[in-house]
Amino acid sequence: MADQAQTRAATIEALYAEDRTFPPPPEFAKQANFNDPAIYERAASDPEGFWAGQAKELLTWFKPWDTVLDWQPPFAKWFVGGQLNATYNCLDRHVEAGKGDRVAYYWEGEPGDKKTFTYGELL
């Protein structure tokens, strides 16, 4: 019984040592939103500025934020005072941009059945 517990613990500990990487296929990486490694340097050198830029560029805000980050360790509040609507950012703006017929969500069930949902259908 003790041997089983030691083996199980050793197996779990071995999982912590995982160091393999699985790079994406080149054709997938080419179409990624960010494929320039320098983005990590920009984010590290000015995290608040970097994330403020991303938030302005990629999201629709109904009210802009007053403070990018309010960090009172161990608590962090991002985009304090800002207001956005998550469903609007996920669906409405894509339909408004003429992408209502594009697939937003792929679903696969256990027996292999598949469904696709467009932005328009989800809206």
PDB file of N, CA and C in Angstrom:
ATOM      1  N   MET A   1       0.820  -1.189   0.000  1.00  0.00           N
ATOM      2  CA  MET A   1       0.000   0.000   0.000  1.00  0.00           C
ATOM      3  C   MET A   1       0.870   1.262   0.000  1.00  0.00           C
ATOM      4  N   ALA A   2       1.908   1.266   0.856  1.00  0.00           N
ATOM      5  CA  ALA A   2       2.811   2.410   0.919  1.00  0.00           C
ATOM      6  C   ALA A   2       3.577   2.559  -0.396  1.00  0.00           C
ATOM      7  N   ASP A   3       3.940   1.413  -1.007  1.00  0.00           N
ATOM      8  CA  ASP A   3       4.650   1.473  -2.286  1.00  0.00           C
ATOM      9  C   ASP A   3       3.789   2.135  -3.359  1.00  0.00           C
ATOM     10  N   GLN A   4       2.503   1.818  -3.377  1.00  0.00           N
ATOM     11  CA  GLN A   4       1.592   2.427  -4.347  1.00  0.00           C
ATOM     12  C   GLN A   4       1.526   3.936  -4.153  1.00  0.00           C
ATOM     13  N   ALA A   5       1.432   4.358  -2.912  1.00  0.00           N
ATOM     14  CA  ALA A   5       1.357   5.795  -2.624  1.00  0.00           C
ATOM     15  C   ALA A   5       2.644   6.489  -3.058  1.00  0.00           C
ATOM     16  N   GLN A   6       3.807   5.862  -2.802  1.00  0.00           N
ATOM     17  CA  GLN A   6       5.079   6.463  -3.204  1.00  0.00           C
ATOM     18  C   GLN A   6       5.190   6.534  -4.720  1.00  0.00           C
ATOM     19  N   THR A   7       4.753   5.482  -5.406  1.00  0.00           N
ATOM     20  CA  THR A   7       4.788   5.468  -6.866  1.00  0.00           C
ATOM     21  C   THR A   7       3.881   6.550  -7.427  1.00  0.00           C
ATOM     22  N   ARG A   8       2.675   6.679  -6.867  1.00  0.00           N
ATOM     23  CA  ARG A   8       1.728   7.687  -7.331  1.00  0.00           C
ATOM     24  C   ARG A   8       2.307   9.088  -7.110  1.00  0.00           C
ATOM     25  N   ALA A   9       2.895   9.326  -5.949  1.00  0.00           N
ATOM     26  CA  ALA A   9       3.489  10.634  -5.653  1.00  0.00           C
ATOM     27  C   ALA A   9       4.648  10.923  -6.605  1.00  0.00           C
ATOM     28  N   ALA A  10       5.472   9.917  -6.863  1.00  0.00           N
ATOM     29  CA  ALA A  10       6.605  10.100  -7.779  1.00  0.00           C
ATOM     30  C   ALA A  10       6.105  10.418  -9.188  1.00  0.00           C
ATOM     31  N   THR A  11       5.017   9.782  -9.591  1.00  0.00           N
ATOM     32  CA  THR A  11       4.455  10.037 -10.918  1.00  0.00           C
ATOM     33  C   THR A  11       3.934  11.463 -11.005  1.00  0.00           C
ATOM     34  N   ILE A  12       3.234  11.912  -9.983  1.00  0.00           N
ATOM     35  CA  ILE A  12       2.720  13.278  -9.978  1.00  0.00           C
ATOM     36  C   ILE A  12       3.881  14.268  -9.985  1.00  0.00           C
ATOM     37  N   GLU A  13       4.905  14.020  -9.183  1.00  0.00           N
ATOM     38  CA  GLU A  13       6.071  14.905  -9.154  1.00  0.00           C
ATOM     39  C   GLU A  13       6.750  14.951 -10.519  1.00  0.00           C
ATOM     40  N   ALA A  14       6.765  13.849 -11.220  1.00  0.00           N
ATOM     41  CA  ALA A  14       7.390  13.819 -12.539  1.00  0.00           C
ATOM     42  C   ALA A  14       6.645  14.729 -13.516  1.00  0.00           C
ATOM     43  N   LEU A  15       5.351  14.864 -13.334  1.00  0.00           N
ATOM     44  CA  LEU A  15       4.574  15.746 -14.205  1.00  0.00           C
ATOM     45  C   LEU A  15       4.965  17.211 -14.005  1.00  0.00           C
ATOM     46  N   TYR A  16       5.399  17.572 -12.808  1.00  0.00           N
ATOM     47  CA  TYR A  16       5.830  18.936 -12.551  1.00  0.00           C
ATOM     48  C   TYR A  16       7.088  19.280 -13.342  1.00  0.00           C
ATOM     49  N   ALA A  17       7.858  18.292 -13.723  1.00  0.00           N
ATOM     50  CA  ALA A  17       9.123  18.510 -14.411  1.00  0.00           C
ATOM     51  C   ALA A  17       8.956  18.612 -15.925  1.00  0.00           C
ATOM     52  N   GLU A  18       7.738  18.739 -16.402  1.00  0.00           N
ATOM     53  CA  GLU A  18       7.481  18.808 -17.839  1.00  0.00           C
ATOM     54  C   GLU A  18       8.183  20.022 -18.438  1.00  0.00           C
ATOM     55  N   ASP A  19       8.994  19.785 -19.458  1.00  0.00           N
ATOM     56  CA  ASP A  19       9.682  20.902 -20.092  1.00  0.00           C
ATOM     57  C   ASP A  19       9.599  20.841 -21.619  1.00  0.00           C
ATOM     58  N   ARG A  20       8.749  19.964 -22.118  1.00  0.00           N
ATOM     59  CA  ARG A  20       8.592  19.908 -23.568  1.00  0.00           C
ATOM     60  C   ARG A  20       7.812  21.133 -24.039  1.00  0.00           C
ATOM     61  N   THR A  21       8.032  21.513 -25.271  1.00  0.00           N
ATOM     62  CA  THR A  21       7.245  22.581 -25.892  1.00  0.00           C
ATOM     63  C   THR A  21       6.637  22.033 -27.169  1.00  0.00           C
ATOM     64  N   PHE A  22       5.540  22.601 -27.554  1.00  0.00           N
ATOM     65  CA  PHE A  22       4.821  22.158 -28.740  1.00  0.00           C
ATOM     66  C   PHE A  22       4.520  23.369 -29.610  1.00  0.00           C
ATOM     67  N   PRO A  23       5.476  23.758 -30.452  1.00  0.00           N
ATOM     68  CA  PRO A  23       5.251  24.945 -31.281  1.00  0.00           C
ATOM     69  C   PRO A  23       4.116  24.714 -32.283  1.00  0.00           C
ATOM     70  N   PRO A  24       3.394  25.779 -32.601  1.00  0.00           N
ATOM     71  CA  PRO A  24       2.297  25.636 -33.563  1.00  0.00           C
ATOM     72  C   PRO A  24       2.838  25.416 -34.969  1.00  0.00           C
ATOM     73  N   PRO A  25       2.044  24.831 -35.839  1.00  0.00           N
ATOM     74  CA  PRO A  25       2.473  24.689 -37.230  1.00  0.00           C
ATOM     75  C   PRO A  25       2.723  26.074 -37.847  1.00  0.00           C
ATOM     76  N   PRO A  26       3.678  26.199 -38.736  1.00  0.00           N
ATOM     77  CA  PRO A  26       4.013  27.508 -39.324  1.00  0.00           C
ATOM     78  C   PRO A  26       2.815  28.219 -39.953  1.00  0.00           C
ATOM     79  N   GLU A  27       1.940  27.497 -40.643  1.00  0.00           N
ATOM     80  CA  GLU A  27       0.797  28.151 -41.285  1.00  0.00           C
ATOM     81  C   GLU A  27      -0.173  28.726 -40.258  1.00  0.00           C
ATOM     82  N   PHE A  28      -0.261  28.110 -39.092  1.00  0.00           N
ATOM     83  CA  PHE A  28      -1.095  28.640 -38.019  1.00  0.00           C
ATOM     84  C   PHE A  28      -0.433  29.872 -37.399  1.00  0.00           C
ATOM     85  N   ALA A  29       0.860  29.798 -37.170  1.00  0.00           N
ATOM     86  CA  ALA A  29       1.594  30.904 -36.557  1.00  0.00           C
ATOM     87  C   ALA A  29       1.554  32.153 -37.434  1.00  0.00           C
ATOM     88  N   LYS A  30       1.566  31.983 -38.764  1.00  0.00           N
ATOM     89  CA  LYS A  30       1.549  33.122 -39.673  1.00  0.00           C
ATOM     90  C   LYS A  30       0.298  33.977 -39.505  1.00  0.00           C
ATOM     91  N   GLN A  31      -0.828  33.345 -39.198  1.00  0.00           N
ATOM     92  CA  GLN A  31      -2.074  34.096 -39.083  1.00  0.00           C
ATOM     93  C   GLN A  31      -2.385  34.528 -37.659  1.00  0.00           C
ATOM     94  N   ALA A  32      -1.454  34.311 -36.739  1.00  0.00           N
ATOM     95  CA  ALA A  32      -1.672  34.694 -35.339  1.00  0.00           C
ATOM     96  C   ALA A  32      -1.732  36.210 -35.201  1.00  0.00           C
ATOM     97  N   ASN A  33      -2.458  36.677 -34.211  1.00  0.00           N
ATOM     98  CA  ASN A  33      -2.532  38.114 -33.960  1.00  0.00           C
ATOM     99  C   ASN A  33      -1.150  38.689 -33.659  1.00  0.00           C
ATOM    100  N   PHE A  34      -0.339  37.955 -32.937  1.00  0.00           N
ATOM    101  CA  PHE A  34       0.989  38.416 -32.565  1.00  0.00           C
ATOM    102  C   PHE A  34       2.008  37.357 -32.949  1.00  0.00           C
ATOM    103  N   ASN A  35       2.810  37.642 -33.949  1.00  0.00           N
ATOM    104  CA  ASN A  35       3.835  36.684 -34.331  1.00  0.00           C
ATOM    105  C   ASN A  35       5.226  37.323 -34.313  1.00  0.00           C
ATOM    106  N   ASP A  36       5.343  38.468 -33.646  1.00  0.00           N
ATOM    107  CA  ASP A  36       6.622  39.145 -33.498  1.00  0.00           C
ATOM    108  C   ASP A  36       7.114  38.922 -32.066  1.00  0.00           C
ATOM    109  N   PRO A  37       8.220  38.200 -31.883  1.00  0.00           N
ATOM    110  CA  PRO A  37       8.717  37.934 -30.523  1.00  0.00           C
ATOM    111  C   PRO A  37       9.016  39.198 -29.716  1.00  0.00           C
ATOM    112  N   ALA A  38       9.213  40.337 -30.376  1.00  0.00           N
ATOM    113  CA  ALA A  38       9.512  41.581 -29.667  1.00  0.00           C
ATOM    114  C   ALA A  38       8.339  42.040 -28.810  1.00  0.00           C
ATOM    115  N   ILE A  39       7.168  41.494 -29.043  1.00  0.00           N
ATOM    116  CA  ILE A  39       6.005  41.883 -28.247  1.00  0.00           C
ATOM    117  C   ILE A  39       6.223  41.584 -26.767  1.00  0.00           C
ATOM    118  N   TYR A  40       6.959  40.523 -26.470  1.00  0.00           N
ATOM    119  CA  TYR A  40       7.227  40.170 -25.083  1.00  0.00           C
ATOM    120  C   TYR A  40       8.123  41.209 -24.422  1.00  0.00           C
ATOM    121  N   GLU A  41       9.083  41.730 -25.173  1.00  0.00           N
ATOM    122  CA  GLU A  41       9.959  42.776 -24.647  1.00  0.00           C
ATOM    123  C   GLU A  41       9.175  44.053 -24.381  1.00  0.00           C
ATOM    124  N   ARG A  42       8.273  44.416 -25.315  1.00  0.00           N
ATOM    125  CA  ARG A  42       7.453  45.616 -25.119  1.00  0.00           C
ATOM    126  C   ARG A  42       6.560  45.459 -23.897  1.00  0.00           C
ATOM    127  N   ALA A  43       5.986  44.298 -23.737  1.00  0.00           N
ATOM    128  CA  ALA A  43       5.102  44.057 -22.583  1.00  0.00           C
ATOM    129  C   ALA A  43       5.888  44.099 -21.278  1.00  0.00           C
ATOM    130  N   ALA A  44       7.078  43.554 -21.270  1.00  0.00           N
ATOM    131  CA  ALA A  44       7.887  43.525 -20.044  1.00  0.00           C
ATOM    132  C   ALA A  44       8.414  44.907 -19.681  1.00  0.00           C
ATOM    133  N   SER A  45       8.744  45.724 -20.669  1.00  0.00           N
ATOM    134  CA  SER A  45       9.332  47.031 -20.379  1.00  0.00           C
ATOM    135  C   SER A  45       8.296  48.040 -19.874  1.00  0.00           C
ATOM    136  N   ASP A  46       7.049  47.894 -20.273  1.00  0.00           N
ATOM    137  CA  ASP A  46       5.985  48.814 -19.832  1.00  0.00           C
ATOM    138  C   ASP A  46       4.662  48.046 -19.778  1.00  0.00           C
ATOM    139  N   PRO A  47       4.478  47.214 -18.757  1.00  0.00           N
ATOM    140  CA  PRO A  47       3.269  46.384 -18.699  1.00  0.00           C
ATOM    141  C   PRO A  47       1.966  47.182 -18.744  1.00  0.00           C
ATOM    142  N   GLU A  48       1.871  48.261 -17.983  1.00  0.00           N
ATOM    143  CA  GLU A  48       0.625  49.030 -17.971  1.00  0.00           C
ATOM    144  C   GLU A  48       0.358  49.677 -19.326  1.00  0.00           C
ATOM    145  N   GLY A  49       1.380  50.255 -19.920  1.00  0.00           N
ATOM    146  CA  GLY A  49       1.228  50.863 -21.240  1.00  0.00           C
ATOM    147  C   GLY A  49       0.873  49.837 -22.294  1.00  0.00           C
ATOM    148  N   PHE A  50       1.521  48.677 -22.211  1.00  0.00           N
ATOM    149  CA  PHE A  50       1.249  47.612 -23.173  1.00  0.00           C
ATOM    150  C   PHE A  50      -0.215  47.177 -23.093  1.00  0.00           C
ATOM    151  N   TRP A  51      -0.679  46.871 -21.866  1.00  0.00           N
ATOM    152  CA  TRP A  51      -2.047  46.371 -21.728  1.00  0.00           C
ATOM    153  C   TRP A  51      -3.087  47.458 -21.989  1.00  0.00           C
ATOM    154  N   ALA A  52      -2.761  48.706 -21.696  1.00  0.00           N
ATOM    155  CA  ALA A  52      -3.678  49.801 -22.032  1.00  0.00           C
ATOM    156  C   ALA A  52      -3.835  49.887 -23.548  1.00  0.00           C
ATOM    157  N   GLY A  53      -2.732  49.756 -24.274  1.00  0.00           N
ATOM    158  CA  GLY A  53      -2.792  49.777 -25.733  1.00  0.00           C
ATOM    159  C   GLY A  53      -3.611  48.630 -26.293  1.00  0.00           C
ATOM    160  N   GLN A  54      -3.413  47.445 -25.735  1.00  0.00           N
ATOM    161  CA  GLN A  54      -4.177  46.287 -26.193  1.00  0.00           C
ATOM    162  C   GLN A  54      -5.674  46.477 -25.914  1.00  0.00           C
ATOM    163  N   ALA A  55      -5.983  46.991 -24.722  1.00  0.00           N
ATOM    164  CA  ALA A  55      -7.389  47.194 -24.348  1.00  0.00           C
ATOM    165  C   ALA A  55      -8.058  48.222 -25.250  1.00  0.00           C
ATOM    166  N   LYS A  56      -7.345  49.297 -25.598  1.00  0.00           N
ATOM    167  CA  LYS A  56      -7.910  50.323 -26.483  1.00  0.00           C
ATOM    168  C   LYS A  56      -8.123  49.789 -27.894  1.00  0.00           C
ATOM    169  N   GLU A  57      -7.148  49.005 -28.348  1.00  0.00           N
ATOM    170  CA  GLU A  57      -7.175  48.527 -29.732  1.00  0.00           C
ATOM    171  C   GLU A  57      -8.152  47.371 -29.945  1.00  0.00           C
ATOM    172  N   LEU A  58      -8.256  46.490 -28.984  1.00  0.00           N
ATOM    173  CA  LEU A  58      -8.975  45.241 -29.206  1.00  0.00           C
ATOM    174  C   LEU A  58     -10.370  45.168 -28.579  1.00  0.00           C
ATOM    175  N   LEU A  59     -10.705  46.121 -27.721  1.00  0.00           N
ATOM    176  CA  LEU A  59     -12.001  46.078 -27.054  1.00  0.00           C
ATOM    177  C   LEU A  59     -12.761  47.378 -27.276  1.00  0.00           C
ATOM    178  N   THR A  60     -14.076  47.291 -27.199  1.00  0.00           N
ATOM    179  CA  THR A  60     -14.930  48.473 -27.253  1.00  0.00           C
ATOM    180  C   THR A  60     -15.314  48.822 -25.824  1.00  0.00           C
ATOM    181  N   TRP A  61     -14.973  50.025 -25.418  1.00  0.00           N
ATOM    182  CA  TRP A  61     -15.266  50.496 -24.066  1.00  0.00           C
ATOM    183  C   TRP A  61     -16.437  51.462 -24.114  1.00  0.00           C
ATOM    184  N   PHE A  62     -17.398  51.286 -23.225  1.00  0.00           N
ATOM    185  CA  PHE A  62     -18.518  52.201 -23.131  1.00  0.00           C
ATOM    186  C   PHE A  62     -18.144  53.395 -22.260  1.00  0.00           C
ATOM    187  N   LYS A  63     -17.205  53.202 -21.364  1.00  0.00           N
ATOM    188  CA  LYS A  63     -16.636  54.287 -20.561  1.00  0.00           C
ATOM    189  C   LYS A  63     -15.160  53.961 -20.381  1.00  0.00           C
ATOM    190  N   PRO A  64     -14.273  54.903 -20.738  1.00  0.00           N
ATOM    191  CA  PRO A  64     -12.842  54.632 -20.582  1.00  0.00           C
ATOM    192  C   PRO A  64     -12.451  54.527 -19.109  1.00  0.00           C
ATOM    193  N   TRP A  65     -11.366  53.836 -18.855  1.00  0.00           N
ATOM    194  CA  TRP A  65     -10.899  53.652 -17.485  1.00  0.00           C
ATOM    195  C   TRP A  65     -10.178  54.896 -16.998  1.00  0.00           C
ATOM    196  N   ASP A  66     -10.125  55.010 -15.674  1.00  0.00           N
ATOM    197  CA  ASP A  66      -9.395  56.100 -15.029  1.00  0.00           C
ATOM    198  C   ASP A  66      -7.962  55.674 -14.712  1.00  0.00           C
ATOM    199  N   THR A  67      -7.809  54.417 -14.323  1.00  0.00           N
ATOM    200  CA  THR A  67      -6.511  53.887 -13.904  1.00  0.00           C
ATOM    201  C   THR A  67      -6.317  52.521 -14.561  1.00  0.00           C
ATOM    202  N   VAL A  68      -5.183  52.330 -15.205  1.00  0.00           N
ATOM    203  CA  VAL A  68      -4.912  51.045 -15.853  1.00  0.00           C
ATOM    204  C   VAL A  68      -4.786  49.942 -14.806  1.00  0.00           C
ATOM    205  N   LEU A  69      -3.961  50.162 -13.780  1.00  0.00           N
ATOM    206  CA  LEU A  69      -3.722  49.138 -12.773  1.00  0.00           C
ATOM    207  C   LEU A  69      -3.642  49.762 -11.386  1.00  0.00           C
ATOM    208  N   ASP A  70      -4.451  49.230 -10.507  1.00  0.00           N
ATOM    209  CA  ASP A  70      -4.383  49.606  -9.090  1.00  0.00           C
ATOM    210  C   ASP A  70      -3.923  48.359  -8.359  1.00  0.00           C
ATOM    211  N   TRP A  71      -2.651  48.344  -7.991  1.00  0.00           N
ATOM    212  CA  TRP A  71      -2.065  47.155  -7.370  1.00  0.00           C
ATOM    213  C   TRP A  71      -1.798  47.430  -5.906  1.00  0.00           C
ATOM    214  N   GLN A  72      -2.564  46.772  -5.068  1.00  0.00           N
ATOM    215  CA  GLN A  72      -2.360  46.790  -3.625  1.00  0.00           C
ATOM    216  C   GLN A  72      -2.136  45.339  -3.228  1.00  0.00           C
ATOM    217  N   PRO A  73      -0.872  44.841  -3.326  1.00  0.00           N
ATOM    218  CA  PRO A  73      -0.610  43.411  -3.117  1.00  0.00           C
ATOM    219  C   PRO A  73      -1.309  42.862  -1.881  1.00  0.00           C
ATOM    220  N   PRO A  74      -1.938  41.729  -2.006  1.00  0.00           N
ATOM    221  CA  PRO A  74      -1.943  40.811  -3.146  1.00  0.00           C
ATOM    222  C   PRO A  74      -3.087  41.052  -4.125  1.00  0.00           C
ATOM    223  N   PHE A  75      -3.737  42.214  -4.065  1.00  0.00           N
ATOM    224  CA  PHE A  75      -4.908  42.457  -4.909  1.00  0.00           C
ATOM    225  C   PHE A  75      -4.564  43.383  -6.069  1.00  0.00           C
ATOM    226  N   ALA A  76      -5.076  43.058  -7.227  1.00  0.00           N
ATOM    227  CA  ALA A  76      -4.861  43.888  -8.409  1.00  0.00           C
ATOM    228  C   ALA A  76      -6.217  44.174  -9.057  1.00  0.00           C
ATOM    229  N   LYS A  77      -6.414  45.426  -9.429  1.00  0.00           N
ATOM    230  CA  LYS A  77      -7.618  45.838 -10.161  1.00  0.00           C
ATOM    231  C   LYS A  77      -7.150  46.454 -11.473  1.00  0.00           C
ATOM    232  N   TRP A  78      -7.643  45.921 -12.561  1.00  0.00           N
ATOM    233  CA  TRP A  78      -7.274  46.411 -13.885  1.00  0.00           C
ATOM    234  C   TRP A  78      -8.390  47.281 -14.451  1.00  0.00           C
ATOM    235  N   PHE A  79      -8.021  48.327 -15.151  1.00  0.00           N
ATOM    236  CA  PHE A  79      -8.935  49.210 -15.871  1.00  0.00           C
ATOM    237  C   PHE A  79     -10.026  49.750 -14.953  1.00  0.00           C
ATOM    238  N   VAL A  80      -9.570  50.308 -13.833  1.00  0.00           N
ATOM    239  CA  VAL A  80     -10.468  50.822 -12.797  1.00  0.00           C
ATOM    240  C   VAL A  80     -11.294  51.975 -13.359  1.00  0.00           C
ATOM    241  N   GLY A  81     -12.597  51.895 -13.162  1.00  0.00           N
ATOM    242  CA  GLY A  81     -13.515  52.931 -13.618  1.00  0.00           C
ATOM    243  C   GLY A  81     -14.028  52.708 -15.028  1.00  0.00           C
ATOM    244  N   GLY A  82     -13.417  51.807 -15.764  1.00  0.00           N
ATOM    245  CA  GLY A  82     -13.855  51.540 -17.125  1.00  0.00           C
ATOM    246  C   GLY A  82     -15.076  50.646 -17.156  1.00  0.00           C
ATOM    247  N   GLN A  83     -15.858  50.797 -18.206  1.00  0.00           N
ATOM    248  CA  GLN A  83     -17.032  49.937 -18.382  1.00  0.00           C
ATOM    249  C   GLN A  83     -17.044  49.395 -19.801  1.00  0.00           C
ATOM    250  N   LEU A  84     -17.251  48.100 -19.875  1.00  0.00           N
ATOM    251  CA  LEU A  84     -17.437  47.464 -21.175  1.00  0.00           C
ATOM    252  C   LEU A  84     -18.520  46.404 -21.037  1.00  0.00           C
ATOM    253  N   ASN A  85     -18.964  45.918 -22.152  1.00  0.00           N
ATOM    254  CA  ASN A  85     -19.978  44.876 -22.170  1.00  0.00           C
ATOM    255  C   ASN A  85     -19.333  43.666 -22.851  1.00  0.00           C
ATOM    256  N   ALA A  86     -19.159  42.604 -22.096  1.00  0.00           N
ATOM    257  CA  ALA A  86     -18.464  41.426 -22.627  1.00  0.00           C
ATOM    258  C   ALA A  86     -19.190  40.837 -23.827  1.00  0.00           C
ATOM    259  N   THR A  87     -20.525  40.761 -23.780  1.00  0.00           N
ATOM    260  CA  THR A  87     -21.240  40.187 -24.920  1.00  0.00           C
ATOM    261  C   THR A  87     -21.118  41.069 -26.144  1.00  0.00           C
ATOM    262  N   TYR A  88     -21.131  42.363 -25.953  1.00  0.00           N
ATOM    263  CA  TYR A  88     -20.948  43.261 -27.089  1.00  0.00           C
ATOM    264  C   TYR A  88     -19.593  43.002 -27.731  1.00  0.00           C
ATOM    265  N   ASN A  89     -18.540  42.880 -26.923  1.00  0.00           N
ATOM    266  CA  ASN A  89     -17.203  42.651 -27.451  1.00  0.00           C
ATOM    267  C   ASN A  89     -17.052  41.280 -28.093  1.00  0.00           C
ATOM    268  N   CYS A  90     -17.781  40.296 -27.598  1.00  0.00           N
ATOM    269  CA  CYS A  90     -17.684  38.941 -28.154  1.00  0.00           C
ATOM    270  C   CYS A  90     -18.548  38.748 -29.403  1.00  0.00           C
ATOM    271  N   LEU A  91     -19.684  39.417 -29.479  1.00  0.00           N
ATOM    272  CA  LEU A  91     -20.632  39.146 -30.560  1.00  0.00           C
ATOM    273  C   LEU A  91     -21.031  40.370 -31.367  1.00  0.00           C
ATOM    274  N   ASP A  92     -21.688  41.319 -30.728  1.00  0.00           N
ATOM    275  CA  ASP A  92     -22.318  42.436 -31.433  1.00  0.00           C
ATOM    276  C   ASP A  92     -21.378  43.147 -32.396  1.00  0.00           C
ATOM    277  N   ARG A  93     -20.181  43.473 -31.930  1.00  0.00           N
ATOM    278  CA  ARG A  93     -19.286  44.250 -32.786  1.00  0.00           C
ATOM    279  C   ARG A  93     -18.846  43.474 -34.020  1.00  0.00           C
ATOM    280  N   HIS A  94     -18.781  42.153 -33.921  1.00  0.00           N
ATOM    281  CA  HIS A  94     -18.422  41.350 -35.092  1.00  0.00           C
ATOM    282  C   HIS A  94     -19.562  41.336 -36.110  1.00  0.00           C
ATOM    283  N   VAL A  95     -20.793  41.250 -35.620  1.00  0.00           N
ATOM    284  CA  VAL A  95     -21.947  41.299 -36.518  1.00  0.00           C
ATOM    285  C   VAL A  95     -22.030  42.678 -37.163  1.00  0.00           C
ATOM    286  N   GLU A  96     -21.854  43.747 -36.376  1.00  0.00           N
ATOM    287  CA  GLU A  96     -21.874  45.110 -36.913  1.00  0.00           C
ATOM    288  C   GLU A  96     -20.797  45.327 -37.971  1.00  0.00           C
ATOM    289  N   ALA A  97     -19.679  44.618 -37.848  1.00  0.00           N
ATOM    290  CA  ALA A  97     -18.582  44.750 -38.812  1.00  0.00           C
ATOM    291  C   ALA A  97     -18.794  43.877 -40.049  1.00  0.00           C
ATOM    292  N   GLY A  98     -19.960  43.241 -40.154  1.00  0.00           N
ATOM    293  CA  GLY A  98     -20.271  42.431 -41.327  1.00  0.00           C
ATOM    294  C   GLY A  98     -19.777  41.000 -41.257  1.00  0.00           C
ATOM    295  N   LYS A  99     -19.425  40.533 -40.060  1.00  0.00           N
ATOM    296  CA  LYS A  99     -18.915  39.176 -39.902  1.00  0.00           C
ATOM    297  C   LYS A  99     -19.935  38.243 -39.271  1.00  0.00           C
ATOM    298  N   GLY A 100     -21.196  38.573 -39.360  1.00  0.00           N
ATOM    299  CA  GLY A 100     -22.248  37.768 -38.734  1.00  0.00           C
ATOM    300  C   GLY A 100     -22.330  36.347 -39.256  1.00  0.00           C
ATOM    301  N   ASP A 101     -21.894  36.134 -40.505  1.00  0.00           N
ATOM    302  CA  ASP A 101     -21.951  34.781 -41.091  1.00  0.00           C
ATOM    303  C   ASP A 101     -20.695  33.965 -40.814  1.00  0.00           C
ATOM    304  N   ARG A 102     -19.695  34.554 -40.189  1.00  0.00           N
ATOM    305  CA  ARG A 102     -18.462  33.824 -39.872  1.00  0.00           C
ATOM    306  C   ARG A 102     -18.669  32.933 -38.661  1.00  0.00           C
ATOM    307  N   VAL A 103     -17.989  31.802 -38.649  1.00  0.00           N
ATOM    308  CA  VAL A 103     -18.097  30.874 -37.526  1.00  0.00           C
ATOM    309  C   VAL A 103     -17.414  31.474 -36.303  1.00  0.00           C
ATOM    310  N   ALA A 104     -18.165  31.509 -35.206  1.00  0.00           N
ATOM    311  CA  ALA A 104     -17.646  32.028 -33.944  1.00  0.00           C
ATOM    312  C   ALA A 104     -17.283  30.900 -33.001  1.00  0.00           C
ATOM    313  N   TYR A 105     -17.928  29.750 -33.177  1.00  0.00           N
ATOM    314  CA  TYR A 105     -17.800  28.679 -32.186  1.00  0.00           C
ATOM    315  C   TYR A 105     -17.995  27.329 -32.864  1.00  0.00           C
ATOM    316  N   TYR A 106     -17.056  26.429 -32.632  1.00  0.00           N
ATOM    317  CA  TYR A 106     -17.179  25.048 -33.096  1.00  0.00           C
ATOM    318  C   TYR A 106     -17.511  24.174 -31.897  1.00  0.00           C
ATOM    319  N   TRP A 107     -18.420  23.243 -32.090  1.00  0.00           N
ATOM    320  CA  TRP A 107     -18.801  22.348 -30.999  1.00  0.00           C
ATOM    321  C   TRP A 107     -18.721  20.912 -31.508  1.00  0.00           C
ATOM    322  N   GLU A 108     -18.146  20.025 -30.697  1.00  0.00           N
ATOM    323  CA  GLU A 108     -18.101  18.601 -31.017  1.00  0.00           C
ATOM    324  C   GLU A 108     -18.600  17.831 -29.821  1.00  0.00           C
ATOM    325  N   GLY A 109     -19.545  16.909 -30.060  1.00  0.00           N
ATOM    326  CA  GLY A 109     -20.087  16.076 -28.996  1.00  0.00           C
ATOM    327  C   GLY A 109     -19.334  14.763 -28.881  1.00  0.00           C
ATOM    328  N   GLU A 110     -19.674  14.020 -27.875  1.00  0.00           N
ATOM    329  CA  GLU A 110     -19.012  12.737 -27.606  1.00  0.00           C
ATOM    330  C   GLU A 110     -19.090  11.745 -28.771  1.00  0.00           C
ATOM    331  N   PRO A 111     -20.258  11.537 -29.355  1.00  0.00           N
ATOM    332  CA  PRO A 111     -20.299  10.525 -30.434  1.00  0.00           C
ATOM    333  C   PRO A 111     -19.762  11.035 -31.767  1.00  0.00           C
ATOM    334  N   GLY A 112     -19.176  12.224 -31.781  1.00  0.00           N
ATOM    335  CA  GLY A 112     -18.609  12.735 -33.018  1.00  0.00           C
ATOM    336  C   GLY A 112     -19.501  13.717 -33.755  1.00  0.00           C
ATOM    337  N   ASP A 113     -20.669  14.032 -33.204  1.00  0.00           N
ATOM    338  CA  ASP A 113     -21.510  15.016 -33.878  1.00  0.00           C
ATOM    339  C   ASP A 113     -20.874  16.395 -33.734  1.00  0.00           C
ATOM    340  N   LYS A 114     -21.057  17.223 -34.755  1.00  0.00           N
ATOM    341  CA  LYS A 114     -20.409  18.530 -34.798  1.00  0.00           C
ATOM    342  C   LYS A 114     -21.420  19.599 -35.165  1.00  0.00           C
ATOM    343  N   LYS A 115     -21.218  20.792 -34.605  1.00  0.00           N
ATOM    344  CA  LYS A 115     -22.070  21.930 -34.939  1.00  0.00           C
ATOM    345  C   LYS A 115     -21.180  23.165 -35.016  1.00  0.00           C
ATOM    346  N   THR A 116     -21.595  24.093 -35.833  1.00  0.00           N
ATOM    347  CA  THR A 116     -20.931  25.385 -35.875  1.00  0.00           C
ATOM    348  C   THR A 116     -21.973  26.452 -35.589  1.00  0.00           C
ATOM    349  N   PHE A 117     -21.511  27.520 -34.961  1.00  0.00           N
ATOM    350  CA  PHE A 117     -22.398  28.637 -34.650  1.00  0.00           C
ATOM    351  C   PHE A 117     -21.742  29.898 -35.156  1.00  0.00           C
ATOM    352  N   THR A 118     -22.490  30.703 -35.897  1.00  0.00           N
ATOM    353  CA  THR A 118     -21.958  31.965 -36.396  1.00  0.00           C
ATOM    354  C   THR A 118     -22.168  33.054 -35.347  1.00  0.00           C
ATOM    355  N   TYR A 119     -21.483  34.167 -35.552  1.00  0.00           N
ATOM    356  CA  TYR A 119     -21.672  35.295 -34.652  1.00  0.00           C
ATOM    357  C   TYR A 119     -23.134  35.731 -34.668  1.00  0.00           C
ATOM    358  N   GLY A 120     -23.735  35.756 -35.837  1.00  0.00           N
ATOM    359  CA  GLY A 120     -25.137  36.156 -35.955  1.00  0.00           C
ATOM    360  C   GLY A 120     -26.076  35.222 -35.213  1.00  0.00           C
ATOM    361  N   GLU A 121     -25.839  33.918 -35.307  1.00  0.00           N
ATOM    362  CA  GLU A 121     -26.693  32.960 -34.599  1.00  0.00           C
ATOM    363  C   GLU A 121     -26.554  33.116 -33.086  1.00  0.00           C
ATOM    364  N   LEU A 122     -25.339  33.325 -32.607  1.00  0.00           N
ATOM    365  CA  LEU A 122     -25.140  33.489 -31.166  1.00  0.00           C
ATOM    366  C   LEU A 122     -25.743  34.792 -30.670  1.00  0.00           C
ATOM    367  N   LEU A 123     -25.711  35.826 -31.495  1.00  0.00           N
ATOM    368  CA  LEU A 123     -26.290  37.093 -31.099  1.00  0.00           C
ATOM    369  C   LEU A 123     -27.790  36.957 -30.956  1.00  0.00           C
TER     370      LEU A 123
END
